[in-house]
Amino acid sequence: MEELRSFLNSWLIPNDTRIPTETLPELAAKPSAWRRAFERLPAPDSGGEVDELMRLRDDLRADVEERGSERLDSWLQSHPQTVRIENDKLVYRGAPGVIPELLRLSALLVAEGRWRRLRTCPDCRWVFYDQSRNNSRTWCSMYAGETGRACGSIAKVKRMRARQNAAGETG
């Protein structure tokens, strides 16, 4: 699942610049960078496949944001997969390549009921896995950690200041 999450986060809003950044074409152009970012995913074959990968990533991110899987289902219809059980394990059959592999990983999360635990931070747009008991986490982080940003704390401070300003204007 971490490789899928890393793939989804190949589009990001860096904390230092706050400018949306596309990293997928650069990763695809450098095999060593691709392997570091996506250890078990095969590298794309061509520039055309990179364009398709970006469309897939954007569709999967949209599904995550909407807490649905309609776009994933459309991709699975155009890239059919076969699932079999061999020796009590799921075995996927389908075309080789990075797109079918990402579709298999995504479908597995849906089948396991974990897809709905993927979330997108409303501030930095980072895709994270919600491990909270009641599946209600909103932000990627409440505490500034290695990313240097605490989107939840920032959002709460903004709301508090807005309430204080509104109270000051009416008072």
N, C-alpha and C. Protein backbone atom coordinates (compact mmCIF):
# COMPACT_ATOMS: atom_id res chain seq x y z
N MET A 1 0.81 -1.19 0.00
CA MET A 1 0.00 0.00 0.00
C MET A 1 0.85 1.26 0.00
N GLU A 2 2.02 1.21 0.62
CA GLU A 2 2.87 2.40 0.68
C GLU A 2 3.31 2.86 -0.72
N GLU A 3 3.55 1.91 -1.61
CA GLU A 3 3.94 2.32 -2.96
C GLU A 3 2.78 3.01 -3.69
N LEU A 4 1.57 2.54 -3.46
CA LEU A 4 0.40 3.20 -4.04
C LEU A 4 0.27 4.61 -3.47
N ARG A 5 0.43 4.74 -2.17
CA ARG A 5 0.35 6.05 -1.54
C ARG A 5 1.45 6.98 -2.07
N SER A 6 2.65 6.45 -2.22
CA SER A 6 3.75 7.25 -2.79
C SER A 6 3.43 7.68 -4.21
N PHE A 7 2.83 6.76 -4.97
CA PHE A 7 2.43 7.09 -6.34
C PHE A 7 1.39 8.22 -6.32
N LEU A 8 0.39 8.11 -5.46
CA LEU A 8 -0.63 9.15 -5.37
C LEU A 8 -0.03 10.49 -4.94
N ASN A 9 1.03 10.45 -4.16
CA ASN A 9 1.69 11.67 -3.69
C ASN A 9 2.80 12.15 -4.62
N SER A 10 2.84 11.61 -5.85
CA SER A 10 3.82 12.11 -6.82
C SER A 10 3.39 13.48 -7.36
N TRP A 11 2.20 13.89 -7.03
CA TRP A 11 1.75 15.27 -7.19
C TRP A 11 1.60 15.80 -5.78
N LEU A 12 2.21 16.92 -5.47
CA LEU A 12 2.18 17.39 -4.10
C LEU A 12 2.29 18.90 -4.04
N ILE A 13 2.02 19.43 -2.86
CA ILE A 13 2.22 20.84 -2.57
C ILE A 13 3.29 20.90 -1.49
N PRO A 14 4.54 21.16 -1.88
CA PRO A 14 5.63 21.18 -0.89
C PRO A 14 5.38 22.22 0.20
N ASN A 15 5.79 21.89 1.41
CA ASN A 15 5.59 22.79 2.54
C ASN A 15 6.37 24.09 2.41
N ASP A 16 7.54 24.04 1.78
CA ASP A 16 8.35 25.25 1.71
C ASP A 16 7.85 26.24 0.67
N THR A 17 7.41 25.75 -0.50
CA THR A 17 6.99 26.68 -1.56
C THR A 17 5.48 26.86 -1.63
N ARG A 18 4.71 25.85 -1.20
CA ARG A 18 3.25 25.83 -1.27
C ARG A 18 2.76 25.97 -2.72
N ILE A 19 3.59 25.55 -3.68
CA ILE A 19 3.23 25.57 -5.10
C ILE A 19 3.03 24.13 -5.55
N PRO A 20 1.87 23.81 -6.15
CA PRO A 20 1.65 22.43 -6.63
C PRO A 20 2.79 21.98 -7.54
N THR A 21 3.27 20.76 -7.29
CA THR A 21 4.44 20.25 -7.98
C THR A 21 4.17 18.86 -8.54
N GLU A 22 4.54 18.65 -9.77
CA GLU A 22 4.39 17.37 -10.47
C GLU A 22 5.76 16.69 -10.50
N THR A 23 5.88 15.50 -9.91
CA THR A 23 7.18 14.82 -9.87
C THR A 23 7.21 13.55 -10.71
N LEU A 24 6.06 13.09 -11.18
CA LEU A 24 6.02 11.80 -11.86
C LEU A 24 6.86 11.74 -13.15
N PRO A 25 6.80 12.72 -14.05
CA PRO A 25 7.62 12.64 -15.27
C PRO A 25 9.12 12.58 -14.96
N GLU A 26 9.56 13.34 -13.97
CA GLU A 26 10.98 13.34 -13.60
C GLU A 26 11.38 11.98 -13.03
N LEU A 27 10.54 11.40 -12.18
CA LEU A 27 10.83 10.07 -11.64
C LEU A 27 10.89 9.02 -12.74
N ALA A 28 9.95 9.11 -13.69
CA ALA A 28 9.90 8.13 -14.78
C ALA A 28 11.10 8.26 -15.71
N ALA A 29 11.66 9.45 -15.81
CA ALA A 29 12.80 9.68 -16.70
C ALA A 29 14.11 9.16 -16.13
N LYS A 30 14.15 8.91 -14.83
CA LYS A 30 15.38 8.45 -14.18
C LYS A 30 15.12 7.11 -13.50
N PRO A 31 15.55 6.01 -14.10
CA PRO A 31 15.28 4.68 -13.53
C PRO A 31 15.70 4.53 -12.07
N SER A 32 16.83 5.11 -11.69
CA SER A 32 17.27 4.97 -10.29
C SER A 32 16.32 5.72 -9.35
N ALA A 33 15.85 6.89 -9.77
CA ALA A 33 14.89 7.64 -8.95
C ALA A 33 13.56 6.89 -8.85
N TRP A 34 13.15 6.28 -9.96
CA TRP A 34 11.90 5.50 -9.95
C TRP A 34 12.00 4.34 -8.95
N ARG A 35 13.12 3.63 -8.99
CA ARG A 35 13.30 2.48 -8.08
C ARG A 35 13.33 2.92 -6.62
N ARG A 36 13.93 4.07 -6.35
CA ARG A 36 13.95 4.57 -4.97
C ARG A 36 12.53 4.93 -4.51
N ALA A 37 11.76 5.53 -5.39
CA ALA A 37 10.41 5.98 -5.02
C ALA A 37 9.41 4.82 -4.98
N PHE A 38 9.54 3.90 -5.94
CA PHE A 38 8.56 2.82 -6.10
C PHE A 38 9.30 1.49 -6.28
N GLU A 39 9.80 1.00 -5.21
CA GLU A 39 10.70 -0.17 -5.21
C GLU A 39 10.15 -1.36 -6.00
N ARG A 40 8.88 -1.69 -5.80
CA ARG A 40 8.33 -2.91 -6.42
C ARG A 40 7.49 -2.65 -7.65
N LEU A 41 7.38 -1.41 -8.08
CA LEU A 41 6.59 -1.10 -9.28
C LEU A 41 7.49 -1.06 -10.50
N PRO A 42 7.08 -1.73 -11.57
CA PRO A 42 7.88 -1.65 -12.80
C PRO A 42 7.86 -0.23 -13.34
N ALA A 43 8.95 0.18 -13.94
CA ALA A 43 9.04 1.52 -14.51
C ALA A 43 8.19 1.61 -15.77
N PRO A 44 7.66 2.80 -16.09
CA PRO A 44 6.88 2.96 -17.32
C PRO A 44 7.76 2.75 -18.55
N ASP A 45 7.12 2.28 -19.62
CA ASP A 45 7.84 1.97 -20.85
C ASP A 45 8.12 3.18 -21.72
N SER A 46 7.20 4.16 -21.72
CA SER A 46 7.34 5.26 -22.67
C SER A 46 6.75 6.53 -22.08
N GLY A 47 6.97 7.63 -22.82
CA GLY A 47 6.39 8.91 -22.41
C GLY A 47 4.88 8.88 -22.45
N GLY A 48 4.32 8.15 -23.41
CA GLY A 48 2.87 8.01 -23.49
C GLY A 48 2.32 7.31 -22.27
N GLU A 49 3.06 6.34 -21.76
CA GLU A 49 2.61 5.65 -20.56
C GLU A 49 2.69 6.57 -19.34
N VAL A 50 3.64 7.50 -19.34
CA VAL A 50 3.74 8.46 -18.24
C VAL A 50 2.51 9.36 -18.23
N ASP A 51 2.07 9.79 -19.40
CA ASP A 51 0.84 10.60 -19.49
C ASP A 51 -0.35 9.81 -18.95
N GLU A 52 -0.43 8.54 -19.32
CA GLU A 52 -1.53 7.70 -18.83
C GLU A 52 -1.42 7.49 -17.32
N LEU A 53 -0.20 7.34 -16.81
CA LEU A 53 0.02 7.21 -15.37
C LEU A 53 -0.45 8.46 -14.62
N MET A 54 -0.19 9.62 -15.18
CA MET A 54 -0.63 10.85 -14.54
C MET A 54 -2.16 10.93 -14.52
N ARG A 55 -2.80 10.50 -15.59
CA ARG A 55 -4.28 10.47 -15.61
C ARG A 55 -4.80 9.48 -14.58
N LEU A 56 -4.17 8.29 -14.49
CA LEU A 56 -4.57 7.31 -13.49
C LEU A 56 -4.40 7.88 -12.10
N ARG A 57 -3.25 8.46 -11.82
CA ARG A 57 -3.01 9.04 -10.49
C ARG A 57 -4.05 10.10 -10.15
N ASP A 58 -4.34 10.98 -11.10
CA ASP A 58 -5.32 12.04 -10.84
C ASP A 58 -6.71 11.46 -10.60
N ASP A 59 -7.07 10.42 -11.36
CA ASP A 59 -8.38 9.77 -11.15
C ASP A 59 -8.45 9.07 -9.80
N LEU A 60 -7.38 8.38 -9.43
CA LEU A 60 -7.37 7.71 -8.13
C LEU A 60 -7.40 8.73 -6.99
N ARG A 61 -6.69 9.82 -7.14
CA ARG A 61 -6.73 10.88 -6.11
C ARG A 61 -8.14 11.43 -5.99
N ALA A 62 -8.81 11.62 -7.12
CA ALA A 62 -10.19 12.13 -7.08
C ALA A 62 -11.10 11.13 -6.37
N ASP A 63 -10.92 9.84 -6.64
CA ASP A 63 -11.71 8.82 -5.94
C ASP A 63 -11.45 8.87 -4.44
N VAL A 64 -10.19 9.02 -4.05
CA VAL A 64 -9.84 9.10 -2.63
C VAL A 64 -10.53 10.31 -2.00
N GLU A 65 -10.47 11.45 -2.67
CA GLU A 65 -11.08 12.67 -2.14
C GLU A 65 -12.59 12.51 -1.99
N GLU A 66 -13.22 11.82 -2.93
CA GLU A 66 -14.68 11.63 -2.90
C GLU A 66 -15.10 10.42 -2.08
N ARG A 67 -14.10 9.66 -1.59
CA ARG A 67 -14.37 8.45 -0.81
C ARG A 67 -15.15 7.43 -1.63
N GLY A 68 -14.82 7.35 -2.92
CA GLY A 68 -15.49 6.41 -3.81
C GLY A 68 -14.48 5.61 -4.62
N SER A 69 -14.98 4.89 -5.60
CA SER A 69 -14.09 4.08 -6.45
C SER A 69 -14.60 3.98 -7.88
N GLU A 70 -15.42 4.94 -8.30
CA GLU A 70 -16.01 4.89 -9.64
C GLU A 70 -14.95 4.99 -10.74
N ARG A 71 -13.99 5.89 -10.57
CA ARG A 71 -12.95 6.04 -11.59
C ARG A 71 -12.06 4.80 -11.63
N LEU A 72 -11.75 4.26 -10.46
CA LEU A 72 -10.97 3.02 -10.41
C LEU A 72 -11.70 1.93 -11.17
N ASP A 73 -13.00 1.81 -10.98
CA ASP A 73 -13.78 0.81 -11.68
C ASP A 73 -13.69 1.00 -13.19
N SER A 74 -13.74 2.24 -13.65
CA SER A 74 -13.61 2.51 -15.10
C SER A 74 -12.25 2.07 -15.62
N TRP A 75 -11.21 2.34 -14.84
CA TRP A 75 -9.87 1.91 -15.24
C TRP A 75 -9.79 0.38 -15.30
N LEU A 76 -10.40 -0.28 -14.34
CA LEU A 76 -10.39 -1.75 -14.32
C LEU A 76 -11.15 -2.32 -15.52
N GLN A 77 -12.17 -1.62 -15.97
CA GLN A 77 -12.90 -2.08 -17.15
C GLN A 77 -12.04 -1.97 -18.41
N SER A 78 -11.22 -0.93 -18.48
CA SER A 78 -10.38 -0.77 -19.66
C SER A 78 -9.06 -1.53 -19.56
N HIS A 79 -8.72 -2.01 -18.36
CA HIS A 79 -7.51 -2.82 -18.13
C HIS A 79 -7.93 -4.04 -17.30
N PRO A 80 -8.62 -4.99 -17.92
CA PRO A 80 -9.18 -6.12 -17.15
C PRO A 80 -8.11 -6.92 -16.40
N GLN A 81 -8.51 -7.37 -15.23
CA GLN A 81 -7.65 -8.19 -14.37
C GLN A 81 -8.39 -9.49 -14.07
N THR A 82 -7.66 -10.52 -13.84
CA THR A 82 -8.24 -11.80 -13.43
C THR A 82 -7.65 -12.16 -12.08
N VAL A 83 -8.52 -12.58 -11.18
CA VAL A 83 -8.07 -12.98 -9.85
C VAL A 83 -8.40 -14.45 -9.66
N ARG A 84 -7.42 -15.19 -9.20
CA ARG A 84 -7.61 -16.60 -8.91
C ARG A 84 -7.09 -16.88 -7.50
N ILE A 85 -7.52 -17.98 -6.96
CA ILE A 85 -7.00 -18.41 -5.66
C ILE A 85 -6.19 -19.66 -5.90
N GLU A 86 -4.92 -19.58 -5.55
CA GLU A 86 -4.01 -20.72 -5.67
C GLU A 86 -3.30 -20.90 -4.33
N ASN A 87 -3.40 -22.07 -3.77
CA ASN A 87 -2.77 -22.35 -2.47
C ASN A 87 -3.18 -21.33 -1.41
N ASP A 88 -4.47 -21.03 -1.38
CA ASP A 88 -5.05 -20.10 -0.40
C ASP A 88 -4.52 -18.68 -0.53
N LYS A 89 -4.01 -18.31 -1.69
CA LYS A 89 -3.52 -16.95 -1.91
C LYS A 89 -4.15 -16.39 -3.18
N LEU A 90 -4.41 -15.08 -3.17
CA LEU A 90 -4.91 -14.43 -4.38
C LEU A 90 -3.78 -14.29 -5.38
N VAL A 91 -4.05 -14.67 -6.61
CA VAL A 91 -3.08 -14.53 -7.69
C VAL A 91 -3.74 -13.72 -8.79
N TYR A 92 -3.10 -12.62 -9.16
CA TYR A 92 -3.65 -11.74 -10.19
C TYR A 92 -3.04 -12.07 -11.53
N ARG A 93 -3.88 -12.10 -12.52
CA ARG A 93 -3.43 -12.31 -13.90
C ARG A 93 -3.91 -11.13 -14.74
N GLY A 94 -3.06 -10.65 -15.55
CA GLY A 94 -3.40 -9.53 -16.41
C GLY A 94 -2.15 -9.08 -17.12
N ALA A 95 -2.29 -8.03 -17.87
CA ALA A 95 -1.14 -7.52 -18.60
C ALA A 95 -0.06 -7.07 -17.62
N PRO A 96 1.21 -7.26 -17.98
CA PRO A 96 2.28 -6.77 -17.10
C PRO A 96 2.41 -5.25 -17.24
N GLY A 97 3.06 -4.66 -16.29
CA GLY A 97 3.32 -3.22 -16.39
C GLY A 97 2.89 -2.48 -15.15
N VAL A 98 3.26 -1.22 -15.11
CA VAL A 98 3.01 -0.41 -13.93
C VAL A 98 1.53 -0.08 -13.75
N ILE A 99 0.81 0.20 -14.82
CA ILE A 99 -0.60 0.54 -14.68
C ILE A 99 -1.41 -0.65 -14.17
N PRO A 100 -1.29 -1.84 -14.76
CA PRO A 100 -2.01 -2.98 -14.19
C PRO A 100 -1.63 -3.27 -12.74
N GLU A 101 -0.37 -3.07 -12.40
CA GLU A 101 0.06 -3.32 -11.01
C GLU A 101 -0.59 -2.32 -10.06
N LEU A 102 -0.64 -1.06 -10.43
CA LEU A 102 -1.30 -0.05 -9.59
C LEU A 102 -2.79 -0.33 -9.47
N LEU A 103 -3.40 -0.79 -10.55
CA LEU A 103 -4.82 -1.15 -10.50
C LEU A 103 -5.05 -2.33 -9.57
N ARG A 104 -4.15 -3.31 -9.61
CA ARG A 104 -4.28 -4.46 -8.71
C ARG A 104 -4.15 -4.03 -7.24
N LEU A 105 -3.16 -3.17 -6.96
CA LEU A 105 -2.99 -2.69 -5.59
C LEU A 105 -4.23 -1.92 -5.11
N SER A 106 -4.78 -1.09 -5.98
CA SER A 106 -5.96 -0.31 -5.63
C SER A 106 -7.17 -1.22 -5.40
N ALA A 107 -7.37 -2.17 -6.31
CA ALA A 107 -8.51 -3.09 -6.18
C ALA A 107 -8.39 -3.93 -4.91
N LEU A 108 -7.18 -4.32 -4.56
CA LEU A 108 -6.97 -5.09 -3.34
C LEU A 108 -7.38 -4.27 -2.11
N LEU A 109 -7.03 -2.98 -2.09
CA LEU A 109 -7.43 -2.12 -0.97
C LEU A 109 -8.95 -2.01 -0.88
N VAL A 110 -9.60 -1.91 -2.03
CA VAL A 110 -11.07 -1.87 -2.02
C VAL A 110 -11.62 -3.18 -1.47
N ALA A 111 -11.09 -4.30 -1.97
CA ALA A 111 -11.58 -5.62 -1.54
C ALA A 111 -11.36 -5.84 -0.03
N GLU A 112 -10.28 -5.31 0.50
CA GLU A 112 -9.98 -5.47 1.93
C GLU A 112 -10.69 -4.43 2.80
N GLY A 113 -11.41 -3.49 2.18
CA GLY A 113 -12.09 -2.45 2.94
C GLY A 113 -11.17 -1.35 3.44
N ARG A 114 -9.97 -1.26 2.89
CA ARG A 114 -9.01 -0.25 3.36
C ARG A 114 -8.98 0.99 2.46
N TRP A 115 -9.59 0.92 1.28
CA TRP A 115 -9.57 2.04 0.34
C TRP A 115 -10.17 3.29 0.99
N ARG A 116 -11.26 3.12 1.74
CA ARG A 116 -11.93 4.27 2.37
C ARG A 116 -11.11 4.88 3.50
N ARG A 117 -10.03 4.24 3.89
CA ARG A 117 -9.15 4.81 4.91
C ARG A 117 -8.10 5.74 4.30
N LEU A 118 -7.99 5.74 2.98
CA LEU A 118 -7.10 6.71 2.33
C LEU A 118 -7.80 8.06 2.35
N ARG A 119 -7.07 9.08 2.70
CA ARG A 119 -7.62 10.43 2.79
C ARG A 119 -6.67 11.41 2.11
N THR A 120 -7.22 12.56 1.74
CA THR A 120 -6.41 13.66 1.22
C THR A 120 -6.53 14.83 2.17
N CYS A 121 -5.40 15.33 2.63
CA CYS A 121 -5.39 16.48 3.53
C CYS A 121 -5.98 17.68 2.80
N PRO A 122 -6.96 18.36 3.41
CA PRO A 122 -7.57 19.51 2.74
C PRO A 122 -6.61 20.69 2.58
N ASP A 123 -5.52 20.71 3.32
CA ASP A 123 -4.57 21.81 3.24
C ASP A 123 -3.46 21.53 2.22
N CYS A 124 -2.66 20.52 2.46
CA CYS A 124 -1.49 20.26 1.61
C CYS A 124 -1.76 19.23 0.52
N ARG A 125 -2.93 18.60 0.55
CA ARG A 125 -3.38 17.63 -0.47
C ARG A 125 -2.62 16.30 -0.39
N TRP A 126 -1.84 16.07 0.66
CA TRP A 126 -1.10 14.83 0.86
C TRP A 126 -2.07 13.69 1.09
N VAL A 127 -1.84 12.56 0.43
CA VAL A 127 -2.67 11.37 0.66
C VAL A 127 -2.06 10.60 1.82
N PHE A 128 -2.88 10.31 2.82
CA PHE A 128 -2.41 9.57 3.99
C PHE A 128 -3.40 8.45 4.30
N TYR A 129 -2.96 7.52 5.12
CA TYR A 129 -3.80 6.40 5.55
C TYR A 129 -4.33 6.72 6.94
N ASP A 130 -5.64 6.76 7.06
CA ASP A 130 -6.29 7.09 8.33
C ASP A 130 -6.33 5.84 9.22
N GLN A 131 -5.54 5.85 10.27
CA GLN A 131 -5.50 4.71 11.18
C GLN A 131 -6.33 4.94 12.44
N SER A 132 -7.10 6.03 12.45
CA SER A 132 -7.91 6.30 13.64
C SER A 132 -8.99 5.23 13.78
N ARG A 133 -9.40 4.99 15.00
CA ARG A 133 -10.37 3.95 15.28
C ARG A 133 -11.69 4.18 14.53
N ASN A 134 -12.17 5.42 14.54
CA ASN A 134 -13.46 5.70 13.92
C ASN A 134 -13.34 6.23 12.49
N ASN A 135 -12.15 6.16 11.91
CA ASN A 135 -11.94 6.52 10.51
C ASN A 135 -12.40 7.96 10.24
N SER A 136 -11.97 8.90 11.10
CA SER A 136 -12.45 10.27 10.96
C SER A 136 -11.34 11.31 10.90
N ARG A 137 -10.11 10.88 10.74
CA ARG A 137 -9.01 11.84 10.69
C ARG A 137 -9.18 12.75 9.47
N THR A 138 -8.85 14.02 9.64
CA THR A 138 -9.03 14.99 8.57
C THR A 138 -7.72 15.41 7.93
N TRP A 139 -6.73 15.74 8.76
CA TRP A 139 -5.48 16.30 8.26
C TRP A 139 -4.37 15.27 8.26
N CYS A 140 -3.36 15.54 7.45
CA CYS A 140 -2.21 14.64 7.38
C CYS A 140 -1.46 14.62 8.70
N SER A 141 -1.44 15.77 9.39
CA SER A 141 -0.69 15.83 10.63
C SER A 141 -1.24 16.93 11.54
N MET A 142 -1.20 16.67 12.82
CA MET A 142 -1.55 17.68 13.81
C MET A 142 -0.29 18.28 14.42
N TYR A 143 0.84 17.65 14.22
CA TYR A 143 2.10 18.09 14.82
C TYR A 143 3.16 18.21 13.74
N ALA A 144 3.93 19.26 13.79
CA ALA A 144 5.00 19.46 12.81
C ALA A 144 6.06 18.39 13.03
N GLY A 145 6.18 17.50 12.11
CA GLY A 145 7.16 16.43 12.20
C GLY A 145 8.23 16.63 11.17
N GLU A 146 8.57 15.54 10.48
CA GLU A 146 9.64 15.63 9.50
C GLU A 146 9.28 16.50 8.31
N THR A 147 7.97 16.68 8.02
CA THR A 147 7.57 17.55 6.91
C THR A 147 7.65 19.01 7.28
N GLY A 148 7.69 19.31 8.58
CA GLY A 148 7.79 20.69 9.01
C GLY A 148 6.47 21.42 8.99
N ARG A 149 5.36 20.73 8.75
CA ARG A 149 4.06 21.37 8.68
C ARG A 149 3.06 20.56 9.48
N ALA A 150 2.18 21.25 10.16
CA ALA A 150 1.13 20.60 10.92
C ALA A 150 -0.20 21.16 10.42
N CYS A 151 -0.70 20.59 9.35
CA CYS A 151 -1.88 21.14 8.68
C CYS A 151 -3.08 21.25 9.62
N GLY A 152 -3.29 20.27 10.49
CA GLY A 152 -4.41 20.31 11.41
C GLY A 152 -4.29 21.45 12.40
N SER A 153 -3.12 21.64 12.97
CA SER A 153 -2.90 22.73 13.92
C SER A 153 -3.06 24.08 13.23
N ILE A 154 -2.53 24.20 12.02
CA ILE A 154 -2.64 25.45 11.26
C ILE A 154 -4.10 25.77 10.99
N ALA A 155 -4.88 24.78 10.58
CA ALA A 155 -6.30 24.98 10.30
C ALA A 155 -7.05 25.40 11.56
N LYS A 156 -6.75 24.77 12.69
CA LYS A 156 -7.43 25.12 13.94
C LYS A 156 -7.07 26.53 14.39
N VAL A 157 -5.83 26.94 14.24
CA VAL A 157 -5.42 28.29 14.60
C VAL A 157 -6.12 29.30 13.71
N LYS A 158 -6.23 29.03 12.40
CA LYS A 158 -6.92 29.93 11.48
C LYS A 158 -8.38 30.10 11.88
N ARG A 159 -9.05 28.98 12.22
CA ARG A 159 -10.46 29.05 12.63
C ARG A 159 -10.60 29.85 13.93
N MET A 160 -9.70 29.63 14.87
CA MET A 160 -9.76 30.35 16.14
C MET A 160 -9.58 31.86 15.90
N ARG A 161 -8.62 32.23 15.07
CA ARG A 161 -8.39 33.66 14.79
C ARG A 161 -9.58 34.28 14.07
N ALA A 162 -10.20 33.50 13.15
CA ALA A 162 -11.39 34.00 12.45
C ALA A 162 -12.52 34.24 13.45
N ARG A 163 -12.70 33.32 14.41
CA ARG A 163 -13.74 33.50 15.43
C ARG A 163 -13.42 34.74 16.31
N GLN A 164 -12.15 34.89 16.66
CA GLN A 164 -11.76 36.04 17.48
C GLN A 164 -12.00 37.35 16.73
N ASN A 165 -11.66 37.36 15.44
CA ASN A 165 -11.88 38.57 14.63
C ASN A 165 -13.37 38.87 14.50
N ALA A 166 -14.18 37.81 14.28
CA ALA A 166 -15.62 38.00 14.15
C ALA A 166 -16.20 38.50 15.47
N ALA A 167 -15.73 37.98 16.59
CA ALA A 167 -16.22 38.40 17.90
C ALA A 167 -15.79 39.84 18.18
N GLY A 168 -14.59 40.20 17.74
CA GLY A 168 -14.10 41.57 17.93
C GLY A 168 -14.87 42.57 17.10
N GLU A 169 -15.33 42.20 15.92
CA GLU A 169 -16.09 43.08 15.05
C GLU A 169 -17.50 43.31 15.58
N THR A 170 -18.06 42.28 16.21
CA THR A 170 -19.44 42.42 16.70
C THR A 170 -19.49 42.96 18.11
N GLY A 171 -18.35 42.95 18.80
CA GLY A 171 -18.34 43.32 20.22
C GLY A 171 -18.04 44.71 20.49
